Amino acid sequence: MKIGVTFPQTEIGSDPAALRDYAQAAEGLGFSHLLAFDHVLGAEPSNRPEGSRRVYTHEHAFHEPLVLFAYLAALTSRIELVTGIIILPQRQAALVAKQAAEVDLLTGGRLRFGVGIGWNPVEYEALSESFGNRGRRIEEQISVLRALWTQEVVDFKGRWHRIDRAGLNPMPVQRPIPIWMGGGAEQVIQRVARLADGWFPQFPLDSGRAILDHLHEEIRAAGRQPADVGIEGRVSIGSGTPDDWTRAAESWRALGATHISVNTMGAGLDSPAAHIEAIGRFKAAVG
């Protein structure tokens, strides 16, 4: 099981040196990957419907993951860079394919591309994309991405996308870049089973076995094997002691997780240096 870090998007600040120091510290400590969340816009929450003001608002800072990863590509050499997740249906598929291919090239094949449908209609409206059909569109978008990452010339005609004999240049190192999916709804589990290289689940550990057994049933029904689909869990440093972190990591391992990442946000840490110190304590405890 590979152990990585969750980039502390909302708490690391805007100093480029702090971003560099965090990524280089994570790589130096031997973490396998760095995972970053995505939001293009945060809504001002007053007088909003409940679904538009859930967790993040305009007051929460978010570095754009693919631009961030292009910066970190030149500052790291081994650590895998993971979007966890890019809200794909609010973006243009061909442009995302181009950006991801470039990051994969600049990192020498170190991109893992997590995607999902998101929850905030405010972002979709601002980006001129439909919120209501986002679940259906993401499946076609995944087909577009994989075609563009593996074929020099693509001729694609779908319900929402048309590529008339065109292609990316340069191409990515990985052909295709691994696509993982986030989310926990039944429709997401079915999409993961059919389409994804891996899943970022969102469930309490004590209910994880039944959910993963269900996922494995869906994977087999799709003509694939459970080993074809990676699983990445998350451990929060704010919940418990080093012994608790170790138990949580071992619980994920027992469930068959291929990856976990440690999240240091929400733990009362007041500086980038404190986040670096925290991932160091986690590494010392969990190994």
C-alpha atoms as a PDB file:
ATOM      1  CA  MET A   1       0.000   0.000   0.000  1.00  0.00           C
ATOM      2  CA  LYS A   2       1.427   3.360  -1.058  1.00  0.00           C
ATOM      3  CA  ILE A   3       1.279   6.276   1.369  1.00  0.00           C
ATOM      4  CA  GLY A   4       0.940   9.859   0.184  1.00  0.00           C
ATOM      5  CA  VAL A   5      -0.091  13.296   1.377  1.00  0.00           C
ATOM      6  CA  THR A   6      -3.133  15.456   0.771  1.00  0.00           C
ATOM      7  CA  PHE A   7      -1.913  18.888  -0.282  1.00  0.00           C
ATOM      8  CA  PRO A   8      -3.253  21.365   2.328  1.00  0.00           C
ATOM      9  CA  GLN A   9      -5.007  23.544  -0.247  1.00  0.00           C
ATOM     10  CA  THR A  10      -7.012  25.767   2.074  1.00  0.00           C
ATOM     11  CA  GLU A  11      -4.287  26.290   4.677  1.00  0.00           C
ATOM     12  CA  ILE A  12      -0.936  26.495   2.895  1.00  0.00           C
ATOM     13  CA  GLY A  13      -1.286  30.080   1.662  1.00  0.00           C
ATOM     14  CA  SER A  14      -0.057  31.746  -1.519  1.00  0.00           C
ATOM     15  CA  ASP A  15       3.720  31.913  -1.136  1.00  0.00           C
ATOM     16  CA  PRO A  16       5.287  29.928  -4.010  1.00  0.00           C
ATOM     17  CA  ALA A  17       8.219  29.058  -1.757  1.00  0.00           C
ATOM     18  CA  ALA A  18       5.863  27.378   0.715  1.00  0.00           C
ATOM     19  CA  LEU A  19       4.343  25.286  -2.068  1.00  0.00           C
ATOM     20  CA  ARG A  20       7.830  24.246  -3.153  1.00  0.00           C
ATOM     21  CA  ASP A  21       8.972  23.453   0.373  1.00  0.00           C
ATOM     22  CA  TYR A  22       5.907  21.317   1.109  1.00  0.00           C
ATOM     23  CA  ALA A  23       6.204  19.231  -2.067  1.00  0.00           C
ATOM     24  CA  GLN A  24       9.948  18.760  -1.680  1.00  0.00           C
ATOM     25  CA  ALA A  25       9.517  17.815   1.993  1.00  0.00           C
ATOM     26  CA  ALA A  26       6.863  15.226   1.100  1.00  0.00           C
ATOM     27  CA  GLU A  27       9.150  13.756  -1.551  1.00  0.00           C
ATOM     28  CA  GLY A  28      12.160  13.836   0.774  1.00  0.00           C
ATOM     29  CA  LEU A  29      10.228  12.013   3.502  1.00  0.00           C
ATOM     30  CA  GLY A  30       9.513   9.208   1.056  1.00  0.00           C
ATOM     31  CA  PHE A  31       5.803   9.738   0.458  1.00  0.00           C
ATOM     32  CA  SER A  32       4.714   8.157  -2.804  1.00  0.00           C
ATOM     33  CA  HIS A  33       2.273  10.800  -3.988  1.00  0.00           C
ATOM     34  CA  LEU A  34       0.770  14.251  -3.439  1.00  0.00           C
ATOM     35  CA  LEU A  35      -2.991  14.613  -3.909  1.00  0.00           C
ATOM     36  CA  ALA A  36      -4.695  17.974  -4.504  1.00  0.00           C
ATOM     37  CA  PHE A  37      -8.379  18.934  -4.317  1.00  0.00           C
ATOM     38  CA  ASP A  38     -10.016  21.149  -6.956  1.00  0.00           C
ATOM     39  CA  HIS A  39     -12.398  24.095  -6.949  1.00  0.00           C
ATOM     40  CA  VAL A  40     -12.292  26.847  -9.569  1.00  0.00           C
ATOM     41  CA  LEU A  41     -14.599  29.223  -7.682  1.00  0.00           C
ATOM     42  CA  GLY A  42     -15.939  29.482  -4.180  1.00  0.00           C
ATOM     43  CA  ALA A  43     -19.413  30.917  -3.734  1.00  0.00           C
ATOM     44  CA  GLU A  44     -20.227  33.716  -1.305  1.00  0.00           C
ATOM     45  CA  PRO A  45     -22.602  31.765   0.945  1.00  0.00           C
ATOM     46  CA  SER A  46     -25.302  34.194   2.055  1.00  0.00           C
ATOM     47  CA  ASN A  47     -28.778  33.653   0.552  1.00  0.00           C
ATOM     48  CA  ARG A  48     -27.636  30.525  -1.288  1.00  0.00           C
ATOM     49  CA  PRO A  49     -29.467  27.217  -1.558  1.00  0.00           C
ATOM     50  CA  GLU A  50     -28.056  24.667   0.862  1.00  0.00           C
ATOM     51  CA  GLY A  51     -26.261  22.736  -1.887  1.00  0.00           C
ATOM     52  CA  SER A  52     -24.260  25.815  -2.883  1.00  0.00           C
ATOM     53  CA  ARG A  53     -22.737  26.500   0.553  1.00  0.00           C
ATOM     54  CA  ARG A  54     -21.654  23.148   1.853  1.00  0.00           C
ATOM     55  CA  VAL A  55     -17.969  23.136   2.762  1.00  0.00           C
ATOM     56  CA  TYR A  56     -15.989  25.627   0.713  1.00  0.00           C
ATOM     57  CA  THR A  57     -16.745  29.292   0.053  1.00  0.00           C
ATOM     58  CA  HIS A  58     -15.008  32.266  -1.564  1.00  0.00           C
ATOM     59  CA  GLU A  59     -12.906  32.527   1.597  1.00  0.00           C
ATOM     60  CA  HIS A  60     -11.195  29.164   0.987  1.00  0.00           C
ATOM     61  CA  ALA A  61      -8.025  29.292  -1.124  1.00  0.00           C
ATOM     62  CA  PHE A  62      -7.566  26.690  -3.868  1.00  0.00           C
ATOM     63  CA  HIS A  63      -4.515  26.452  -6.118  1.00  0.00           C
ATOM     64  CA  GLU A  64      -5.559  25.161  -9.544  1.00  0.00           C
ATOM     65  CA  PRO A  65      -4.217  21.579  -9.526  1.00  0.00           C
ATOM     66  CA  LEU A  66      -2.845  21.274 -13.060  1.00  0.00           C
ATOM     67  CA  VAL A  67      -1.119  24.652 -12.945  1.00  0.00           C
ATOM     68  CA  LEU A  68       0.224  23.780  -9.488  1.00  0.00           C
ATOM     69  CA  PHE A  69       1.496  20.442 -10.795  1.00  0.00           C
ATOM     70  CA  ALA A  70       3.248  22.117 -13.731  1.00  0.00           C
ATOM     71  CA  TYR A  71       5.089  24.258 -11.176  1.00  0.00           C
ATOM     72  CA  LEU A  72       5.927  21.253  -8.991  1.00  0.00           C
ATOM     73  CA  ALA A  73       7.080  19.247 -12.012  1.00  0.00           C
ATOM     74  CA  ALA A  74      10.273  21.286 -12.103  1.00  0.00           C
ATOM     75  CA  LEU A  75      10.778  21.111  -8.341  1.00  0.00           C
ATOM     76  CA  THR A  76      10.356  17.364  -7.743  1.00  0.00           C
ATOM     77  CA  SER A  77      11.663  14.235  -9.417  1.00  0.00           C
ATOM     78  CA  ARG A  78       9.913  11.165  -7.976  1.00  0.00           C
ATOM     79  CA  ILE A  79       6.642  11.942  -6.228  1.00  0.00           C
ATOM     80  CA  GLU A  80       3.427  11.150  -8.124  1.00  0.00           C
ATOM     81  CA  LEU A  81       1.027  14.090  -8.557  1.00  0.00           C
ATOM     82  CA  VAL A  82      -2.659  13.235  -8.168  1.00  0.00           C
ATOM     83  CA  THR A  83      -5.809  15.247  -8.782  1.00  0.00           C
ATOM     84  CA  GLY A  84      -8.288  14.138  -6.166  1.00  0.00           C
ATOM     85  CA  ILE A  85     -10.492  15.200  -7.874  1.00  0.00           C
ATOM     86  CA  ILE A  86     -10.747  17.499 -10.917  1.00  0.00           C
ATOM     87  CA  ILE A  87     -14.413  18.461 -11.418  1.00  0.00           C
ATOM     88  CA  LEU A  88     -14.389  17.301 -15.003  1.00  0.00           C
ATOM     89  CA  PRO A  89     -17.856  18.157 -16.407  1.00  0.00           C
ATOM     90  CA  GLN A  90     -17.454  21.850 -15.636  1.00  0.00           C
ATOM     91  CA  ARG A  91     -14.387  21.918 -17.921  1.00  0.00           C
ATOM     92  CA  GLN A  92     -13.825  21.435 -21.653  1.00  0.00           C
ATOM     93  CA  ALA A  93     -12.695  17.855 -22.210  1.00  0.00           C
ATOM     94  CA  ALA A  94     -10.209  18.522 -25.023  1.00  0.00           C
ATOM     95  CA  LEU A  95      -8.555  21.377 -23.110  1.00  0.00           C
ATOM     96  CA  VAL A  96      -8.296  19.234 -19.962  1.00  0.00           C
ATOM     97  CA  ALA A  97      -6.759  16.446 -22.054  1.00  0.00           C
ATOM     98  CA  LYS A  98      -4.173  18.913 -23.362  1.00  0.00           C
ATOM     99  CA  GLN A  99      -3.326  20.276 -19.906  1.00  0.00           C
ATOM    100  CA  ALA A 100      -3.074  16.841 -18.309  1.00  0.00           C
ATOM    101  CA  ALA A 101      -0.912  15.535 -21.166  1.00  0.00           C
ATOM    102  CA  GLU A 102       1.448  18.466 -20.662  1.00  0.00           C
ATOM    103  CA  VAL A 103       1.719  17.850 -16.912  1.00  0.00           C
ATOM    104  CA  ASP A 104       2.352  14.159 -17.542  1.00  0.00           C
ATOM    105  CA  LEU A 105       5.084  15.057 -20.025  1.00  0.00           C
ATOM    106  CA  LEU A 106       6.731  17.622 -17.746  1.00  0.00           C
ATOM    107  CA  THR A 107       6.746  15.183 -14.821  1.00  0.00           C
ATOM    108  CA  GLY A 108       8.028  12.244 -16.823  1.00  0.00           C
ATOM    109  CA  GLY A 109       4.794  10.276 -16.405  1.00  0.00           C
ATOM    110  CA  ARG A 110       3.983  11.116 -12.784  1.00  0.00           C
ATOM    111  CA  LEU A 111       0.346  12.214 -13.149  1.00  0.00           C
ATOM    112  CA  ARG A 112      -2.635  10.260 -11.813  1.00  0.00           C
ATOM    113  CA  PHE A 113      -5.835  11.946 -12.930  1.00  0.00           C
ATOM    114  CA  GLY A 114      -8.744  11.776 -10.488  1.00  0.00           C
ATOM    115  CA  VAL A 115     -12.070  13.113 -11.753  1.00  0.00           C
ATOM    116  CA  GLY A 116     -15.567  13.629 -10.380  1.00  0.00           C
ATOM    117  CA  ILE A 117     -18.777  15.534 -10.973  1.00  0.00           C
ATOM    118  CA  GLY A 118     -18.723  17.972  -8.035  1.00  0.00           C
ATOM    119  CA  TRP A 119     -21.597  19.405  -6.033  1.00  0.00           C
ATOM    120  CA  ASN A 120     -21.636  23.168  -6.571  1.00  0.00           C
ATOM    121  CA  PRO A 121     -23.911  24.549  -9.348  1.00  0.00           C
ATOM    122  CA  VAL A 122     -22.371  28.027  -8.904  1.00  0.00           C
ATOM    123  CA  GLU A 123     -19.115  26.841 -10.462  1.00  0.00           C
ATOM    124  CA  TYR A 124     -20.904  25.176 -13.369  1.00  0.00           C
ATOM    125  CA  GLU A 125     -22.907  28.304 -14.134  1.00  0.00           C
ATOM    126  CA  ALA A 126     -19.819  30.514 -14.067  1.00  0.00           C
ATOM    127  CA  LEU A 127     -17.968  28.126 -16.388  1.00  0.00           C
ATOM    128  CA  SER A 128     -20.930  27.938 -18.807  1.00  0.00           C
ATOM    129  CA  GLU A 129     -21.493  24.208 -18.363  1.00  0.00           C
ATOM    130  CA  SER A 130     -24.628  22.256 -17.442  1.00  0.00           C
ATOM    131  CA  PHE A 131     -24.941  21.037 -13.872  1.00  0.00           C
ATOM    132  CA  GLY A 132     -27.947  18.811 -14.548  1.00  0.00           C
ATOM    133  CA  ASN A 133     -26.339  16.372 -16.990  1.00  0.00           C
ATOM    134  CA  ARG A 134     -22.873  16.249 -15.453  1.00  0.00           C
ATOM    135  CA  GLY A 135     -23.071  12.562 -14.531  1.00  0.00           C
ATOM    136  CA  ARG A 136     -23.876  11.502 -18.072  1.00  0.00           C
ATOM    137  CA  ARG A 137     -21.345  13.830 -19.646  1.00  0.00           C
ATOM    138  CA  ILE A 138     -18.403  12.657 -17.546  1.00  0.00           C
ATOM    139  CA  GLU A 139     -18.613   9.199 -19.104  1.00  0.00           C
ATOM    140  CA  GLU A 140     -18.273  10.624 -22.597  1.00  0.00           C
ATOM    141  CA  GLN A 141     -15.517  12.955 -21.408  1.00  0.00           C
ATOM    142  CA  ILE A 142     -13.500   9.986 -20.153  1.00  0.00           C
ATOM    143  CA  SER A 143     -13.764   8.412 -23.601  1.00  0.00           C
ATOM    144  CA  VAL A 144     -12.550  11.675 -25.138  1.00  0.00           C
ATOM    145  CA  LEU A 145      -9.589  11.917 -22.757  1.00  0.00           C
ATOM    146  CA  ARG A 146      -8.440   8.364 -23.374  1.00  0.00           C
ATOM    147  CA  ALA A 147      -8.777   8.731 -27.129  1.00  0.00           C
ATOM    148  CA  LEU A 148      -6.714  11.923 -27.158  1.00  0.00           C
ATOM    149  CA  TRP A 149      -4.047  10.414 -24.881  1.00  0.00           C
ATOM    150  CA  THR A 150      -3.559   7.291 -26.994  1.00  0.00           C
ATOM    151  CA  GLN A 151      -4.249   8.216 -30.632  1.00  0.00           C
ATOM    152  CA  GLU A 152      -2.276  10.712 -32.688  1.00  0.00           C
ATOM    153  CA  VAL A 153      -5.390  11.527 -34.744  1.00  0.00           C
ATOM    154  CA  VAL A 154      -8.851  11.237 -33.185  1.00  0.00           C
ATOM    155  CA  ASP A 155     -12.172  11.119 -35.003  1.00  0.00           C
ATOM    156  CA  PHE A 156     -14.825  11.211 -32.275  1.00  0.00           C
ATOM    157  CA  LYS A 157     -18.530  11.909 -32.471  1.00  0.00           C
ATOM    158  CA  GLY A 158     -20.537  11.698 -29.263  1.00  0.00           C
ATOM    159  CA  ARG A 159     -23.599  13.328 -27.795  1.00  0.00           C
ATOM    160  CA  TRP A 160     -21.666  16.315 -26.429  1.00  0.00           C
ATOM    161  CA  HIS A 161     -18.278  16.136 -28.146  1.00  0.00           C
ATOM    162  CA  ARG A 162     -17.054  16.230 -31.735  1.00  0.00           C
ATOM    163  CA  ILE A 163     -13.380  15.896 -32.708  1.00  0.00           C
ATOM    164  CA  ASP A 164     -12.905  15.959 -36.467  1.00  0.00           C
ATOM    165  CA  ARG A 165      -9.620  14.169 -37.188  1.00  0.00           C
ATOM    166  CA  ALA A 166      -7.404  16.057 -34.761  1.00  0.00           C
ATOM    167  CA  GLY A 167      -4.947  15.202 -32.017  1.00  0.00           C
ATOM    168  CA  LEU A 168      -2.692  16.355 -29.226  1.00  0.00           C
ATOM    169  CA  ASN A 169       0.965  17.165 -29.747  1.00  0.00           C
ATOM    170  CA  PRO A 170       2.942  16.581 -27.572  1.00  0.00           C
ATOM    171  CA  MET A 171       1.392  13.387 -26.278  1.00  0.00           C
ATOM    172  CA  PRO A 172       1.628  12.282 -22.630  1.00  0.00           C
ATOM    173  CA  VAL A 173       4.232   9.810 -21.399  1.00  0.00           C
ATOM    174  CA  GLN A 174       1.504   7.512 -20.065  1.00  0.00           C
ATOM    175  CA  ARG A 175      -0.851   6.334 -22.788  1.00  0.00           C
ATOM    176  CA  PRO A 176      -3.366   6.634 -21.300  1.00  0.00           C
ATOM    177  CA  ILE A 177      -2.901   8.572 -18.075  1.00  0.00           C
ATOM    178  CA  PRO A 178      -4.628   6.623 -15.264  1.00  0.00           C
ATOM    179  CA  ILE A 179      -8.128   7.930 -14.543  1.00  0.00           C
ATOM    180  CA  TRP A 180      -9.485   7.527 -11.025  1.00  0.00           C
ATOM    181  CA  MET A 181     -12.913   8.631  -9.828  1.00  0.00           C
ATOM    182  CA  GLY A 182     -14.237  10.190  -6.636  1.00  0.00           C
ATOM    183  CA  GLY A 183     -17.668  10.150  -5.032  1.00  0.00           C
ATOM    184  CA  GLY A 184     -19.824   7.674  -3.175  1.00  0.00           C
ATOM    185  CA  ALA A 185     -23.261   7.507  -4.800  1.00  0.00           C
ATOM    186  CA  GLU A 186     -24.483   4.264  -6.343  1.00  0.00           C
ATOM    187  CA  GLN A 187     -24.137   5.727  -9.840  1.00  0.00           C
ATOM    188  CA  VAL A 188     -20.514   6.575  -9.062  1.00  0.00           C
ATOM    189  CA  ILE A 189     -19.774   3.027  -7.903  1.00  0.00           C
ATOM    190  CA  GLN A 190     -21.213   1.695 -11.160  1.00  0.00           C
ATOM    191  CA  ARG A 191     -19.123   4.156 -13.199  1.00  0.00           C
ATOM    192  CA  VAL A 192     -15.995   3.217 -11.276  1.00  0.00           C
ATOM    193  CA  ALA A 193     -16.665  -0.463 -11.960  1.00  0.00           C
ATOM    194  CA  ARG A 194     -17.046   0.139 -15.693  1.00  0.00           C
ATOM    195  CA  LEU A 195     -14.639   2.960 -16.432  1.00  0.00           C
ATOM    196  CA  ALA A 196     -12.095   3.828 -13.763  1.00  0.00           C
ATOM    197  CA  ASP A 197      -8.560   2.728 -12.982  1.00  0.00           C
ATOM    198  CA  GLY A 198      -9.188   3.507  -9.318  1.00  0.00           C
ATOM    199  CA  TRP A 199     -11.537   4.991  -6.744  1.00  0.00           C
ATOM    200  CA  PHE A 200     -11.298   7.539  -3.941  1.00  0.00           C
ATOM    201  CA  PRO A 201     -14.036   6.207  -1.607  1.00  0.00           C
ATOM    202  CA  GLN A 202     -15.831   8.304   0.984  1.00  0.00           C
ATOM    203  CA  PHE A 203     -17.115   6.021   3.719  1.00  0.00           C
ATOM    204  CA  PRO A 204     -16.532   5.280   7.411  1.00  0.00           C
ATOM    205  CA  LEU A 205     -13.992   2.505   7.808  1.00  0.00           C
ATOM    206  CA  ASP A 206     -16.417   0.339   9.772  1.00  0.00           C
ATOM    207  CA  SER A 207     -18.765   0.141   6.770  1.00  0.00           C
ATOM    208  CA  GLY A 208     -16.058  -0.175   4.154  1.00  0.00           C
ATOM    209  CA  ARG A 209     -16.049  -3.936   3.689  1.00  0.00           C
ATOM    210  CA  ALA A 210     -19.674  -4.134   2.559  1.00  0.00           C
ATOM    211  CA  ILE A 211     -19.233  -1.198   0.174  1.00  0.00           C
ATOM    212  CA  LEU A 212     -16.067  -2.626  -1.362  1.00  0.00           C
ATOM    213  CA  ASP A 213     -17.693  -6.045  -1.710  1.00  0.00           C
ATOM    214  CA  HIS A 214     -20.491  -4.327  -3.636  1.00  0.00           C
ATOM    215  CA  LEU A 215     -17.945  -2.514  -5.816  1.00  0.00           C
ATOM    216  CA  HIS A 216     -16.205  -5.814  -6.572  1.00  0.00           C
ATOM    217  CA  GLU A 217     -19.514  -7.333  -7.626  1.00  0.00           C
ATOM    218  CA  GLU A 218     -20.093  -4.436 -10.007  1.00  0.00           C
ATOM    219  CA  ILE A 219     -16.537  -4.710 -11.360  1.00  0.00           C
ATOM    220  CA  ARG A 220     -17.023  -8.405 -12.154  1.00  0.00           C
ATOM    221  CA  ALA A 221     -20.400  -7.671 -13.734  1.00  0.00           C
ATOM    222  CA  ALA A 222     -18.608  -5.188 -16.012  1.00  0.00           C
ATOM    223  CA  GLY A 223     -16.248  -7.934 -17.183  1.00  0.00           C
ATOM    224  CA  ARG A 224     -13.271  -6.739 -15.159  1.00  0.00           C
ATOM    225  CA  GLN A 225     -11.384  -7.948 -12.079  1.00  0.00           C
ATOM    226  CA  PRO A 226     -11.220  -6.146  -8.694  1.00  0.00           C
ATOM    227  CA  ALA A 227      -7.440  -6.006  -9.049  1.00  0.00           C
ATOM    228  CA  ASP A 228      -7.971  -3.745 -12.073  1.00  0.00           C
ATOM    229  CA  VAL A 229      -9.303  -0.958  -9.823  1.00  0.00           C
ATOM    230  CA  GLY A 230      -7.117   0.739  -7.216  1.00  0.00           C
ATOM    231  CA  ILE A 231      -8.492   2.097  -3.937  1.00  0.00           C
ATOM    232  CA  GLU A 232      -7.193   5.176  -2.118  1.00  0.00           C
ATOM    233  CA  GLY A 233      -8.288   5.869   1.445  1.00  0.00           C
ATOM    234  CA  ARG A 234      -7.617   8.912   3.566  1.00  0.00           C
ATOM    235  CA  VAL A 235      -6.408   9.319   7.148  1.00  0.00           C
ATOM    236  CA  SER A 236      -6.895  12.613   8.965  1.00  0.00           C
ATOM    237  CA  ILE A 237      -4.116  13.689  11.270  1.00  0.00           C
ATOM    238  CA  GLY A 238      -6.645  15.653  13.311  1.00  0.00           C
ATOM    239  CA  SER A 239      -8.457  12.514  14.469  1.00  0.00           C
ATOM    240  CA  GLY A 240      -6.584  10.835  17.273  1.00  0.00           C
ATOM    241  CA  THR A 241      -3.036   9.925  18.182  1.00  0.00           C
ATOM    242  CA  PRO A 242      -0.191   8.360  16.201  1.00  0.00           C
ATOM    243  CA  ASP A 243      -1.487   4.973  17.339  1.00  0.00           C
ATOM    244  CA  ASP A 244      -4.897   5.878  15.881  1.00  0.00           C
ATOM    245  CA  TRP A 245      -3.273   6.856  12.575  1.00  0.00           C
ATOM    246  CA  THR A 246      -1.474   3.528  12.449  1.00  0.00           C
ATOM    247  CA  ARG A 247      -4.682   1.615  13.173  1.00  0.00           C
ATOM    248  CA  ALA A 248      -6.526   3.550  10.472  1.00  0.00           C
ATOM    249  CA  ALA A 249      -3.762   2.854   7.951  1.00  0.00           C
ATOM    250  CA  GLU A 250      -3.821  -0.845   8.832  1.00  0.00           C
ATOM    251  CA  SER A 251      -7.612  -0.899   8.494  1.00  0.00           C
ATOM    252  CA  TRP A 252      -7.308   0.491   4.975  1.00  0.00           C
ATOM    253  CA  ARG A 253      -4.638  -2.084   4.185  1.00  0.00           C
ATOM    254  CA  ALA A 254      -6.909  -4.860   5.453  1.00  0.00           C
ATOM    255  CA  LEU A 255      -9.687  -3.592   3.175  1.00  0.00           C
ATOM    256  CA  GLY A 256      -7.352  -3.979   0.218  1.00  0.00           C
ATOM    257  CA  ALA A 257      -6.500  -0.313  -0.343  1.00  0.00           C
ATOM    258  CA  THR A 258      -3.653   0.223  -2.777  1.00  0.00           C
ATOM    259  CA  HIS A 259      -3.029   3.789  -1.564  1.00  0.00           C
ATOM    260  CA  ILE A 260      -3.794   6.088   1.356  1.00  0.00           C
ATOM    261  CA  SER A 261      -3.076   9.778   1.865  1.00  0.00           C
ATOM    262  CA  VAL A 262      -2.740  11.757   5.077  1.00  0.00           C
ATOM    263  CA  ASN A 263      -4.836  14.909   5.390  1.00  0.00           C
ATOM    264  CA  THR A 264      -3.473  17.621   7.696  1.00  0.00           C
ATOM    265  CA  MET A 265      -6.179  20.224   7.038  1.00  0.00           C
ATOM    266  CA  GLY A 266      -8.620  20.961   9.841  1.00  0.00           C
ATOM    267  CA  ALA A 267      -6.116  19.973  12.527  1.00  0.00           C
ATOM    268  CA  GLY A 268      -5.452  23.479  13.844  1.00  0.00           C
ATOM    269  CA  LEU A 269      -2.079  23.860  12.091  1.00  0.00           C
ATOM    270  CA  ASP A 270      -1.163  27.503  11.636  1.00  0.00           C
ATOM    271  CA  SER A 271       1.610  27.549   9.022  1.00  0.00           C
ATOM    272  CA  PRO A 272       3.051  25.651   6.059  1.00  0.00           C
ATOM    273  CA  ALA A 273       5.921  24.609   8.309  1.00  0.00           C
ATOM    274  CA  ALA A 274       3.432  23.085  10.732  1.00  0.00           C
ATOM    275  CA  HIS A 275       1.911  21.022   7.924  1.00  0.00           C
ATOM    276  CA  ILE A 276       5.375  19.795   6.944  1.00  0.00           C
ATOM    277  CA  GLU A 277       6.128  18.860  10.556  1.00  0.00           C
ATOM    278  CA  ALA A 278       2.798  17.031  10.772  1.00  0.00           C
ATOM    279  CA  ILE A 279       3.390  14.847   7.715  1.00  0.00           C
ATOM    280  CA  GLY A 280       6.801  14.053   9.169  1.00  0.00           C
ATOM    281  CA  ARG A 281       5.165  12.834  12.401  1.00  0.00           C
ATOM    282  CA  PHE A 282       2.704  10.772  10.388  1.00  0.00           C
ATOM    283  CA  LYS A 283       5.515   9.196   8.369  1.00  0.00           C
ATOM    284  CA  ALA A 284       7.428   8.340  11.523  1.00  0.00           C
ATOM    285  CA  ALA A 285       4.327   6.705  13.032  1.00  0.00           C
ATOM    286  CA  VAL A 286       2.973   4.843  10.018  1.00  0.00           C
ATOM    287  CA  GLY A 287       6.090   4.285   7.938  1.00  0.00           C
END
